[in-house]
Amino acid sequence: MVRGEGSGLKTARIRPQGPLDITTSGEFRDRAWRLIEEGVRHLIVDFGDVSAIDSSGIAKMLAVRKRLADAGGKMTVENITRPEIRKMFETLLLHTLMEIRDSVKEAEESR
């Protein structure tokens, strides 16, 4: 989903499914980069259907976050349902680099 927001700001939501790992994270990155090239400046990543994430998935997320930041945008991660994924995000201090929201509603309100 992509929609316009106020003065030309665009928000998009990506909902990866299954593991975000070495076999799938490249596809995630490529899709996110296309959205950034199309003018998206707030990317919401819905983790509701993500079953696992490895170092490759984290690296791709950080690459997307950097590209967004360089373009004046931000990334919000929402709906992390698996405790082990939430623990990894906390351990790696990812909340210091991107917004982490419990729900879809919170992520949308963070715009």
PDB file of N, CA and C in Angstrom:
ATOM      1  N   MET A   1       0.838  -1.167   0.000  1.00  0.00           N
ATOM      2  CA  MET A   1       0.000   0.000   0.000  1.00  0.00           C
ATOM      3  C   MET A   1       0.889   1.238   0.000  1.00  0.00           C
ATOM      4  N   VAL A   2       0.602   2.182  -0.877  1.00  0.00           N
ATOM      5  CA  VAL A   2       1.300   3.464  -0.918  1.00  0.00           C
ATOM      6  C   VAL A   2       0.247   4.544  -0.936  1.00  0.00           C
ATOM      7  N   ARG A   3       0.441   5.574  -0.146  1.00  0.00           N
ATOM      8  CA  ARG A   3      -0.507   6.682  -0.187  1.00  0.00           C
ATOM      9  C   ARG A   3       0.234   7.986   0.052  1.00  0.00           C
ATOM     10  N   GLY A   4      -0.328   9.050  -0.478  1.00  0.00           N
ATOM     11  CA  GLY A   4       0.256  10.371  -0.296  1.00  0.00           C
ATOM     12  C   GLY A   4      -0.095  10.925   1.068  1.00  0.00           C
ATOM     13  N   GLU A   5       0.774  11.717   1.600  1.00  0.00           N
ATOM     14  CA  GLU A   5       0.547  12.345   2.896  1.00  0.00           C
ATOM     15  C   GLU A   5       0.954  13.803   2.787  1.00  0.00           C
ATOM     16  N   GLY A   6       0.092  14.687   3.200  1.00  0.00           N
ATOM     17  CA  GLY A   6       0.413  16.111   3.269  1.00  0.00           C
ATOM     18  C   GLY A   6       1.342  16.589   2.184  1.00  0.00           C
ATOM     19  N   SER A   7       2.004  17.603   2.284  1.00  0.00           N
ATOM     20  CA  SER A   7       2.908  18.237   1.339  1.00  0.00           C
ATOM     21  C   SER A   7       3.779  17.282   0.522  1.00  0.00           C
ATOM     22  N   GLY A   8       3.181  16.332  -0.157  1.00  0.00           N
ATOM     23  CA  GLY A   8       3.922  15.446  -1.048  1.00  0.00           C
ATOM     24  C   GLY A   8       4.576  14.256  -0.363  1.00  0.00           C
ATOM     25  N   LEU A   9       4.545  14.204   0.966  1.00  0.00           N
ATOM     26  CA  LEU A   9       5.149  13.080   1.676  1.00  0.00           C
ATOM     27  C   LEU A   9       4.349  11.819   1.396  1.00  0.00           C
ATOM     28  N   LYS A  10       5.042  10.763   1.030  1.00  0.00           N
ATOM     29  CA  LYS A  10       4.374   9.488   0.765  1.00  0.00           C
ATOM     30  C   LYS A  10       4.723   8.481   1.843  1.00  0.00           C
ATOM     31  N   THR A  11       3.729   7.709   2.210  1.00  0.00           N
ATOM     32  CA  THR A  11       3.907   6.618   3.163  1.00  0.00           C
ATOM     33  C   THR A  11       3.579   5.311   2.461  1.00  0.00           C
ATOM     34  N   ALA A  12       4.380   4.287   2.730  1.00  0.00           N
ATOM     35  CA  ALA A  12       4.114   2.959   2.170  1.00  0.00           C
ATOM     36  C   ALA A  12       4.257   1.931   3.277  1.00  0.00           C
ATOM     37  N   ARG A  13       3.519   0.846   3.139  1.00  0.00           N
ATOM     38  CA  ARG A  13       3.606  -0.264   4.084  1.00  0.00           C
ATOM     39  C   ARG A  13       4.073  -1.502   3.317  1.00  0.00           C
ATOM     40  N   ILE A  14       5.053  -2.183   3.883  1.00  0.00           N
ATOM     41  CA  ILE A  14       5.515  -3.468   3.351  1.00  0.00           C
ATOM     42  C   ILE A  14       5.216  -4.511   4.427  1.00  0.00           C
ATOM     43  N   ARG A  15       4.703  -5.650   3.991  1.00  0.00           N
ATOM     44  CA  ARG A  15       4.387  -6.725   4.946  1.00  0.00           C
ATOM     45  C   ARG A  15       5.096  -8.006   4.509  1.00  0.00           C
ATOM     46  N   PRO A  16       6.366  -8.181   4.921  1.00  0.00           N
ATOM     47  CA  PRO A  16       7.069  -9.421   4.575  1.00  0.00           C
ATOM     48  C   PRO A  16       6.375 -10.617   5.220  1.00  0.00           C
ATOM     49  N   GLN A  17       6.529 -11.771   4.591  1.00  0.00           N
ATOM     50  CA  GLN A  17       5.919 -12.991   5.123  1.00  0.00           C
ATOM     51  C   GLN A  17       6.968 -14.085   5.226  1.00  0.00           C
ATOM     52  N   GLY A  18       6.865 -14.884   6.278  1.00  0.00           N
ATOM     53  CA  GLY A  18       7.830 -15.956   6.491  1.00  0.00           C
ATOM     54  C   GLY A  18       9.125 -15.402   7.046  1.00  0.00           C
ATOM     55  N   PRO A  19      10.221 -16.110   6.853  1.00  0.00           N
ATOM     56  CA  PRO A  19      11.497 -15.629   7.378  1.00  0.00           C
ATOM     57  C   PRO A  19      12.046 -14.478   6.535  1.00  0.00           C
ATOM     58  N   LEU A  20      12.657 -13.521   7.201  1.00  0.00           N
ATOM     59  CA  LEU A  20      13.381 -12.446   6.515  1.00  0.00           C
ATOM     60  C   LEU A  20      14.854 -12.794   6.701  1.00  0.00           C
ATOM     61  N   ASP A  21      15.369 -13.565   5.742  1.00  0.00           N
ATOM     62  CA  ASP A  21      16.701 -14.142   5.895  1.00  0.00           C
ATOM     63  C   ASP A  21      17.495 -14.003   4.603  1.00  0.00           C
ATOM     64  N   ILE A  22      18.584 -14.718   4.512  1.00  0.00           N
ATOM     65  CA  ILE A  22      19.478 -14.594   3.363  1.00  0.00           C
ATOM     66  C   ILE A  22      18.773 -14.904   2.040  1.00  0.00           C
ATOM     67  N   THR A  23      17.764 -15.746   2.067  1.00  0.00           N
ATOM     68  CA  THR A  23      17.078 -16.098   0.819  1.00  0.00           C
ATOM     69  C   THR A  23      15.982 -15.110   0.438  1.00  0.00           C
ATOM     70  N   THR A  24      15.487 -14.313   1.385  1.00  0.00           N
ATOM     71  CA  THR A  24      14.356 -13.422   1.100  1.00  0.00           C
ATOM     72  C   THR A  24      14.653 -11.941   1.305  1.00  0.00           C
ATOM     73  N   SER A  25      15.704 -11.620   2.035  1.00  0.00           N
ATOM     74  CA  SER A  25      15.933 -10.221   2.404  1.00  0.00           C
ATOM     75  C   SER A  25      16.320  -9.342   1.221  1.00  0.00           C
ATOM     76  N   GLY A  26      16.928  -9.914   0.194  1.00  0.00           N
ATOM     77  CA  GLY A  26      17.254  -9.130  -1.001  1.00  0.00           C
ATOM     78  C   GLY A  26      16.001  -8.622  -1.693  1.00  0.00           C
ATOM     79  N   GLU A  27      14.986  -9.454  -1.746  1.00  0.00           N
ATOM     80  CA  GLU A  27      13.710  -9.051  -2.341  1.00  0.00           C
ATOM     81  C   GLU A  27      13.074  -7.920  -1.528  1.00  0.00           C
ATOM     82  N   PHE A  28      13.137  -8.024  -0.203  1.00  0.00           N
ATOM     83  CA  PHE A  28      12.628  -6.966   0.669  1.00  0.00           C
ATOM     84  C   PHE A  28      13.348  -5.649   0.376  1.00  0.00           C
ATOM     85  N   ARG A  29      14.683  -5.692   0.353  1.00  0.00           N
ATOM     86  CA  ARG A  29      15.481  -4.488   0.095  1.00  0.00           C
ATOM     87  C   ARG A  29      15.150  -3.878  -1.260  1.00  0.00           C
ATOM     88  N   ASP A  30      15.080  -4.712  -2.293  1.00  0.00           N
ATOM     89  CA  ASP A  30      14.806  -4.201  -3.638  1.00  0.00           C
ATOM     90  C   ASP A  30      13.446  -3.526  -3.716  1.00  0.00           C
ATOM     91  N   ARG A  31      12.440  -4.118  -3.098  1.00  0.00           N
ATOM     92  CA  ARG A  31      11.094  -3.521  -3.093  1.00  0.00           C
ATOM     93  C   ARG A  31      11.102  -2.187  -2.349  1.00  0.00           C
ATOM     94  N   ALA A  32      11.764  -2.159  -1.202  1.00  0.00           N
ATOM     95  CA  ALA A  32      11.836  -0.921  -0.420  1.00  0.00           C
ATOM     96  C   ALA A  32      12.580   0.163  -1.192  1.00  0.00           C
ATOM     97  N   TRP A  33      13.693  -0.192  -1.849  1.00  0.00           N
ATOM     98  CA  TRP A  33      14.445   0.811  -2.607  1.00  0.00           C
ATOM     99  C   TRP A  33      13.618   1.363  -3.762  1.00  0.00           C
ATOM    100  N   ARG A  34      12.826   0.517  -4.416  1.00  0.00           N
ATOM    101  CA  ARG A  34      11.940   1.016  -5.486  1.00  0.00           C
ATOM    102  C   ARG A  34      10.950   2.029  -4.930  1.00  0.00           C
ATOM    103  N   LEU A  35      10.397   1.734  -3.770  1.00  0.00           N
ATOM    104  CA  LEU A  35       9.449   2.669  -3.150  1.00  0.00           C
ATOM    105  C   LEU A  35      10.123   3.999  -2.819  1.00  0.00           C
ATOM    106  N   ILE A  36      11.344   3.945  -2.313  1.00  0.00           N
ATOM    107  CA  ILE A  36      12.080   5.173  -2.000  1.00  0.00           C
ATOM    108  C   ILE A  36      12.335   5.965  -3.280  1.00  0.00           C
ATOM    109  N   GLU A  37      12.714   5.277  -4.351  1.00  0.00           N
ATOM    110  CA  GLU A  37      12.924   5.950  -5.641  1.00  0.00           C
ATOM    111  C   GLU A  37      11.643   6.589  -6.160  1.00  0.00           C
ATOM    112  N   GLU A  38      10.487   6.018  -5.792  1.00  0.00           N
ATOM    113  CA  GLU A  38       9.189   6.560  -6.197  1.00  0.00           C
ATOM    114  C   GLU A  38       8.737   7.707  -5.297  1.00  0.00           C
ATOM    115  N   GLY A  39       9.537   8.056  -4.304  1.00  0.00           N
ATOM    116  CA  GLY A  39       9.222   9.197  -3.460  1.00  0.00           C
ATOM    117  C   GLY A  39       8.697   8.884  -2.079  1.00  0.00           C
ATOM    118  N   VAL A  40       8.634   7.622  -1.702  1.00  0.00           N
ATOM    119  CA  VAL A  40       8.176   7.263  -0.355  1.00  0.00           C
ATOM    120  C   VAL A  40       9.208   7.763   0.659  1.00  0.00           C
ATOM    121  N   ARG A  41       8.722   8.423   1.709  1.00  0.00           N
ATOM    122  CA  ARG A  41       9.610   8.939   2.745  1.00  0.00           C
ATOM    123  C   ARG A  41       9.288   8.401   4.136  1.00  0.00           C
ATOM    124  N   HIS A  42       8.201   7.672   4.263  1.00  0.00           N
ATOM    125  CA  HIS A  42       7.908   6.970   5.520  1.00  0.00           C
ATOM    126  C   HIS A  42       7.542   5.540   5.153  1.00  0.00           C
ATOM    127  N   LEU A  43       8.429   4.630   5.485  1.00  0.00           N
ATOM    128  CA  LEU A  43       8.208   3.219   5.192  1.00  0.00           C
ATOM    129  C   LEU A  43       7.824   2.510   6.483  1.00  0.00           C
ATOM    130  N   ILE A  44       6.642   1.905   6.472  1.00  0.00           N
ATOM    131  CA  ILE A  44       6.170   1.117   7.610  1.00  0.00           C
ATOM    132  C   ILE A  44       6.354  -0.352   7.244  1.00  0.00           C
ATOM    133  N   VAL A  45       7.112  -1.067   8.056  1.00  0.00           N
ATOM    134  CA  VAL A  45       7.355  -2.489   7.829  1.00  0.00           C
ATOM    135  C   VAL A  45       6.540  -3.262   8.869  1.00  0.00           C
ATOM    136  N   ASP A  46       5.533  -3.972   8.399  1.00  0.00           N
ATOM    137  CA  ASP A  46       4.628  -4.738   9.263  1.00  0.00           C
ATOM    138  C   ASP A  46       5.199  -6.140   9.441  1.00  0.00           C
ATOM    139  N   PHE A  47       5.612  -6.463  10.655  1.00  0.00           N
ATOM    140  CA  PHE A  47       6.239  -7.747  10.964  1.00  0.00           C
ATOM    141  C   PHE A  47       5.238  -8.802  11.416  1.00  0.00           C
ATOM    142  N   GLY A  48       3.948  -8.560  11.247  1.00  0.00           N
ATOM    143  CA  GLY A  48       2.933  -9.485  11.723  1.00  0.00           C
ATOM    144  C   GLY A  48       3.063 -10.899  11.187  1.00  0.00           C
ATOM    145  N   ASP A  49       3.581 -11.048   9.966  1.00  0.00           N
ATOM    146  CA  ASP A  49       3.721 -12.376   9.358  1.00  0.00           C
ATOM    147  C   ASP A  49       5.174 -12.826   9.223  1.00  0.00           C
ATOM    148  N   VAL A  50       6.109 -12.120   9.868  1.00  0.00           N
ATOM    149  CA  VAL A  50       7.519 -12.517   9.809  1.00  0.00           C
ATOM    150  C   VAL A  50       7.756 -13.575  10.881  1.00  0.00           C
ATOM    151  N   SER A  51       8.237 -14.730  10.446  1.00  0.00           N
ATOM    152  CA  SER A  51       8.429 -15.857  11.367  1.00  0.00           C
ATOM    153  C   SER A  51       9.818 -15.892  11.991  1.00  0.00           C
ATOM    154  N   ALA A  52      10.800 -15.257  11.342  1.00  0.00           N
ATOM    155  CA  ALA A  52      12.175 -15.248  11.843  1.00  0.00           C
ATOM    156  C   ALA A  52      12.956 -14.184  11.076  1.00  0.00           C
ATOM    157  N   ILE A  53      14.078 -13.766  11.643  1.00  0.00           N
ATOM    158  CA  ILE A  53      14.964 -12.838  10.948  1.00  0.00           C
ATOM    159  C   ILE A  53      16.396 -13.210  11.313  1.00  0.00           C
ATOM    160  N   ASP A  54      17.293 -13.153  10.323  1.00  0.00           N
ATOM    161  CA  ASP A  54      18.697 -13.449  10.594  1.00  0.00           C
ATOM    162  C   ASP A  54      19.532 -12.194  10.337  1.00  0.00           C
ATOM    163  N   SER A  55      20.847 -12.333  10.436  1.00  0.00           N
ATOM    164  CA  SER A  55      21.730 -11.174  10.280  1.00  0.00           C
ATOM    165  C   SER A  55      21.611 -10.544   8.899  1.00  0.00           C
ATOM    166  N   SER A  56      21.336 -11.341   7.887  1.00  0.00           N
ATOM    167  CA  SER A  56      21.145 -10.800   6.543  1.00  0.00           C
ATOM    168  C   SER A  56      19.892  -9.931   6.487  1.00  0.00           C
ATOM    169  N   GLY A  57      18.826 -10.377   7.125  1.00  0.00           N
ATOM    170  CA  GLY A  57      17.599  -9.590   7.180  1.00  0.00           C
ATOM    171  C   GLY A  57      17.805  -8.284   7.920  1.00  0.00           C
ATOM    172  N   ILE A  58      18.522  -8.338   9.042  1.00  0.00           N
ATOM    173  CA  ILE A  58      18.824  -7.120   9.801  1.00  0.00           C
ATOM    174  C   ILE A  58      19.666  -6.176   8.946  1.00  0.00           C
ATOM    175  N   ALA A  59      20.678  -6.714   8.266  1.00  0.00           N
ATOM    176  CA  ALA A  59      21.545  -5.875   7.429  1.00  0.00           C
ATOM    177  C   ALA A  59      20.756  -5.179   6.329  1.00  0.00           C
ATOM    178  N   LYS A  60      19.841  -5.895   5.699  1.00  0.00           N
ATOM    179  CA  LYS A  60      19.030  -5.285   4.631  1.00  0.00           C
ATOM    180  C   LYS A  60      18.110  -4.213   5.198  1.00  0.00           C
ATOM    181  N   MET A  61      17.543  -4.465   6.380  1.00  0.00           N
ATOM    182  CA  MET A  61      16.701  -3.447   7.010  1.00  0.00           C
ATOM    183  C   MET A  61      17.508  -2.186   7.307  1.00  0.00           C
ATOM    184  N   LEU A  62      18.731  -2.361   7.796  1.00  0.00           N
ATOM    185  CA  LEU A  62      19.567  -1.202   8.100  1.00  0.00           C
ATOM    186  C   LEU A  62      19.971  -0.456   6.828  1.00  0.00           C
ATOM    187  N   ALA A  63      20.202  -1.184   5.741  1.00  0.00           N
ATOM    188  CA  ALA A  63      20.524  -0.531   4.465  1.00  0.00           C
ATOM    189  C   ALA A  63      19.340   0.297   3.968  1.00  0.00           C
ATOM    190  N   VAL A  64      18.141  -0.246   4.097  1.00  0.00           N
ATOM    191  CA  VAL A  64      16.929   0.483   3.692  1.00  0.00           C
ATOM    192  C   VAL A  64      16.751   1.704   4.583  1.00  0.00           C
ATOM    193  N   ARG A  65      16.926   1.532   5.879  1.00  0.00           N
ATOM    194  CA  ARG A  65      16.794   2.649   6.811  1.00  0.00           C
ATOM    195  C   ARG A  65      17.775   3.770   6.480  1.00  0.00           C
ATOM    196  N   LYS A  66      19.017   3.414   6.140  1.00  0.00           N
ATOM    197  CA  LYS A  66      20.016   4.429   5.783  1.00  0.00           C
ATOM    198  C   LYS A  66      19.616   5.164   4.517  1.00  0.00           C
ATOM    199  N   ARG A  67      19.163   4.430   3.512  1.00  0.00           N
ATOM    200  CA  ARG A  67      18.749   5.075   2.267  1.00  0.00           C
ATOM    201  C   ARG A  67      17.575   6.025   2.520  1.00  0.00           C
ATOM    202  N   LEU A  68      16.633   5.598   3.339  1.00  0.00           N
ATOM    203  CA  LEU A  68      15.507   6.466   3.698  1.00  0.00           C
ATOM    204  C   LEU A  68      15.995   7.714   4.425  1.00  0.00           C
ATOM    205  N   ALA A  69      16.874   7.538   5.404  1.00  0.00           N
ATOM    206  CA  ALA A  69      17.394   8.678   6.164  1.00  0.00           C
ATOM    207  C   ALA A  69      18.133   9.644   5.246  1.00  0.00           C
ATOM    208  N   ASP A  70      18.923   9.113   4.322  1.00  0.00           N
ATOM    209  CA  ASP A  70      19.648   9.964   3.373  1.00  0.00           C
ATOM    210  C   ASP A  70      18.696  10.764   2.493  1.00  0.00           C
ATOM    211  N   ALA A  71      17.484  10.230   2.280  1.00  0.00           N
ATOM    212  CA  ALA A  71      16.472  10.910   1.462  1.00  0.00           C
ATOM    213  C   ALA A  71      15.543  11.779   2.319  1.00  0.00           C
ATOM    214  N   GLY A  72      15.841  11.876   3.615  1.00  0.00           N
ATOM    215  CA  GLY A  72      15.012  12.679   4.503  1.00  0.00           C
ATOM    216  C   GLY A  72      13.808  11.945   5.057  1.00  0.00           C
ATOM    217  N   GLY A  73      13.833  10.622   5.005  1.00  0.00           N
ATOM    218  CA  GLY A  73      12.689   9.836   5.457  1.00  0.00           C
ATOM    219  C   GLY A  73      12.971   9.051   6.718  1.00  0.00           C
ATOM    220  N   LYS A  74      12.020   8.177   7.051  1.00  0.00           N
ATOM    221  CA  LYS A  74      12.161   7.347   8.248  1.00  0.00           C
ATOM    222  C   LYS A  74      11.481   6.003   8.044  1.00  0.00           C
ATOM    223  N   MET A  75      11.891   5.063   8.869  1.00  0.00           N
ATOM    224  CA  MET A  75      11.311   3.722   8.848  1.00  0.00           C
ATOM    225  C   MET A  75      10.660   3.450  10.201  1.00  0.00           C
ATOM    226  N   THR A  76       9.485   2.846  10.151  1.00  0.00           N
ATOM    227  CA  THR A  76       8.795   2.394  11.356  1.00  0.00           C
ATOM    228  C   THR A  76       8.542   0.899  11.211  1.00  0.00           C
ATOM    229  N   VAL A  77       8.892   0.141  12.239  1.00  0.00           N
ATOM    230  CA  VAL A  77       8.598  -1.292  12.273  1.00  0.00           C
ATOM    231  C   VAL A  77       7.430  -1.474  13.233  1.00  0.00           C
ATOM    232  N   GLU A  78       6.431  -2.223  12.793  1.00  0.00           N
ATOM    233  CA  GLU A  78       5.236  -2.406  13.605  1.00  0.00           C
ATOM    234  C   GLU A  78       4.896  -3.882  13.743  1.00  0.00           C
ATOM    235  N   ASN A  79       4.106  -4.169  14.763  1.00  0.00           N
ATOM    236  CA  ASN A  79       3.436  -5.456  14.856  1.00  0.00           C
ATOM    237  C   ASN A  79       4.406  -6.640  14.941  1.00  0.00           C
ATOM    238  N   ILE A  80       5.473  -6.502  15.736  1.00  0.00           N
ATOM    239  CA  ILE A  80       6.392  -7.630  15.937  1.00  0.00           C
ATOM    240  C   ILE A  80       5.699  -8.602  16.887  1.00  0.00           C
ATOM    241  N   THR A  81       5.247  -9.712  16.359  1.00  0.00           N
ATOM    242  CA  THR A  81       4.446 -10.649  17.152  1.00  0.00           C
ATOM    243  C   THR A  81       5.273 -11.748  17.807  1.00  0.00           C
ATOM    244  N   ARG A  82       6.462 -12.003  17.306  1.00  0.00           N
ATOM    245  CA  ARG A  82       7.273 -13.097  17.852  1.00  0.00           C
ATOM    246  C   ARG A  82       8.249 -12.547  18.899  1.00  0.00           C
ATOM    247  N   PRO A  83       8.197 -13.087  20.116  1.00  0.00           N
ATOM    248  CA  PRO A  83       9.053 -12.579  21.197  1.00  0.00           C
ATOM    249  C   PRO A  83      10.543 -12.638  20.865  1.00  0.00           C
ATOM    250  N   GLU A  84      10.974 -13.671  20.151  1.00  0.00           N
ATOM    251  CA  GLU A  84      12.403 -13.795  19.837  1.00  0.00           C
ATOM    252  C   GLU A  84      12.863 -12.705  18.871  1.00  0.00           C
ATOM    253  N   ILE A  85      11.976 -12.259  17.987  1.00  0.00           N
ATOM    254  CA  ILE A  85      12.330 -11.164  17.077  1.00  0.00           C
ATOM    255  C   ILE A  85      12.388  -9.854  17.862  1.00  0.00           C
ATOM    256  N   ARG A  86      11.414  -9.624  18.720  1.00  0.00           N
ATOM    257  CA  ARG A  86      11.416  -8.409  19.550  1.00  0.00           C
ATOM    258  C   ARG A  86      12.684  -8.361  20.406  1.00  0.00           C
ATOM    259  N   LYS A  87      13.064  -9.499  20.991  1.00  0.00           N
ATOM    260  CA  LYS A  87      14.268  -9.566  21.828  1.00  0.00           C
ATOM    261  C   LYS A  87      15.511  -9.220  21.010  1.00  0.00           C
ATOM    262  N   MET A  88      15.586  -9.730  19.771  1.00  0.00           N
ATOM    263  CA  MET A  88      16.729  -9.420  18.918  1.00  0.00           C
ATOM    264  C   MET A  88      16.790  -7.919  18.641  1.00  0.00           C
ATOM    265  N   PHE A  89      15.650  -7.307  18.326  1.00  0.00           N
ATOM    266  CA  PHE A  89      15.612  -5.869  18.064  1.00  0.00           C
ATOM    267  C   PHE A  89      16.092  -5.089  19.287  1.00  0.00           C
ATOM    268  N   GLU A  90      15.656  -5.519  20.477  1.00  0.00           N
ATOM    269  CA  GLU A  90      16.069  -4.845  21.710  1.00  0.00           C
ATOM    270  C   GLU A  90      17.562  -5.038  21.967  1.00  0.00           C
ATOM    271  N   THR A  91      18.052  -6.254  21.791  1.00  0.00           N
ATOM    272  CA  THR A  91      19.463  -6.553  22.026  1.00  0.00           C
ATOM    273  C   THR A  91      20.365  -5.741  21.104  1.00  0.00           C
ATOM    274  N   LEU A  92      19.948  -5.593  19.851  1.00  0.00           N
ATOM    275  CA  LEU A  92      20.733  -4.844  18.866  1.00  0.00           C
ATOM    276  C   LEU A  92      20.472  -3.340  18.921  1.00  0.00           C
ATOM    277  N   LEU A  93      19.610  -2.915  19.837  1.00  0.00           N
ATOM    278  CA  LEU A  93      19.268  -1.496  20.019  1.00  0.00           C
ATOM    279  C   LEU A  93      18.709  -0.855  18.751  1.00  0.00           C
ATOM    280  N   LEU A  94      17.971  -1.639  17.983  1.00  0.00           N
ATOM    281  CA  LEU A  94      17.415  -1.114  16.731  1.00  0.00           C
ATOM    282  C   LEU A  94      16.397  -0.007  16.973  1.00  0.00           C
ATOM    283  N   HIS A  95      15.800   0.023  18.165  1.00  0.00           N
ATOM    284  CA  HIS A  95      14.850   1.096  18.475  1.00  0.00           C
ATOM    285  C   HIS A  95      15.529   2.466  18.514  1.00  0.00           C
ATOM    286  N   THR A  96      16.862   2.503  18.587  1.00  0.00           N
ATOM    287  CA  THR A  96      17.567   3.783  18.540  1.00  0.00           C
ATOM    288  C   THR A  96      17.743   4.274  17.109  1.00  0.00           C
ATOM    289  N   LEU A  97      17.517   3.401  16.142  1.00  0.00           N
ATOM    290  CA  LEU A  97      17.695   3.750  14.730  1.00  0.00           C
ATOM    291  C   LEU A  97      16.389   3.881  13.967  1.00  0.00           C
ATOM    292  N   MET A  98      15.346   3.224  14.453  1.00  0.00           N
ATOM    293  CA  MET A  98      14.048   3.266  13.775  1.00  0.00           C
ATOM    294  C   MET A  98      12.957   3.138  14.820  1.00  0.00           C
ATOM    295  N   GLU A  99      11.793   3.644  14.483  1.00  0.00           N
ATOM    296  CA  GLU A  99      10.672   3.532  15.407  1.00  0.00           C
ATOM    297  C   GLU A  99      10.163   2.092  15.432  1.00  0.00           C
ATOM    298  N   ILE A 100       9.869   1.612  16.621  1.00  0.00           N
ATOM    299  CA  ILE A 100       9.277   0.289  16.797  1.00  0.00           C
ATOM    300  C   ILE A 100       7.920   0.514  17.461  1.00  0.00           C
ATOM    301  N   ARG A 101       6.869   0.085  16.797  1.00  0.00           N
ATOM    302  CA  ARG A 101       5.508   0.277  17.307  1.00  0.00           C
ATOM    303  C   ARG A 101       4.841  -1.078  17.483  1.00  0.00           C
ATOM    304  N   ASP A 102       4.011  -1.179  18.510  1.00  0.00           N
ATOM    305  CA  ASP A 102       3.325  -2.439  18.789  1.00  0.00           C
ATOM    306  C   ASP A 102       2.214  -2.744  17.802  1.00  0.00           C
ATOM    307  N   SER A 103       1.567  -1.719  17.281  1.00  0.00           N
ATOM    308  CA  SER A 103       0.386  -1.969  16.458  1.00  0.00           C
ATOM    309  C   SER A 103       0.397  -1.138  15.192  1.00  0.00           C
ATOM    310  N   VAL A 104      -0.462  -1.523  14.270  1.00  0.00           N
ATOM    311  CA  VAL A 104      -0.648  -0.783  13.025  1.00  0.00           C
ATOM    312  C   VAL A 104      -1.096   0.635  13.347  1.00  0.00           C
ATOM    313  N   LYS A 105      -2.018   0.777  14.267  1.00  0.00           N
ATOM    314  CA  LYS A 105      -2.549   2.093  14.624  1.00  0.00           C
ATOM    315  C   LYS A 105      -1.439   3.007  15.142  1.00  0.00           C
ATOM    316  N   GLU A 106      -0.581   2.492  16.025  1.00  0.00           N
ATOM    317  CA  GLU A 106       0.527   3.295  16.550  1.00  0.00           C
ATOM    318  C   GLU A 106       1.464   3.738  15.438  1.00  0.00           C
ATOM    319  N   ALA A 107       1.766   2.850  14.499  1.00  0.00           N
ATOM    320  CA  ALA A 107       2.669   3.190  13.397  1.00  0.00           C
ATOM    321  C   ALA A 107       2.075   4.294  12.544  1.00  0.00           C
ATOM    322  N   GLU A 108       0.779   4.199  12.257  1.00  0.00           N
ATOM    323  CA  GLU A 108       0.130   5.220  11.443  1.00  0.00           C
ATOM    324  C   GLU A 108       0.090   6.555  12.173  1.00  0.00           C
ATOM    325  N   GLU A 109      -0.074   6.530  13.494  1.00  0.00           N
ATOM    326  CA  GLU A 109      -0.107   7.762  14.274  1.00  0.00           C
ATOM    327  C   GLU A 109       1.264   8.410  14.382  1.00  0.00           C
ATOM    328  N   SER A 110       2.335   7.667  14.108  1.00  0.00           N
ATOM    329  CA  SER A 110       3.691   8.201  14.242  1.00  0.00           C
ATOM    330  C   SER A 110       4.106   9.070  13.072  1.00  0.00           C
ATOM    331  N   ARG A 111       3.256   9.182  12.057  1.00  0.00           N
ATOM    332  CA  ARG A 111       3.598   9.975  10.877  1.00  0.00           C
ATOM    333  C   ARG A 111       3.816  11.369  11.237  1.00  0.00           C
TER     334      ARG A 111
END
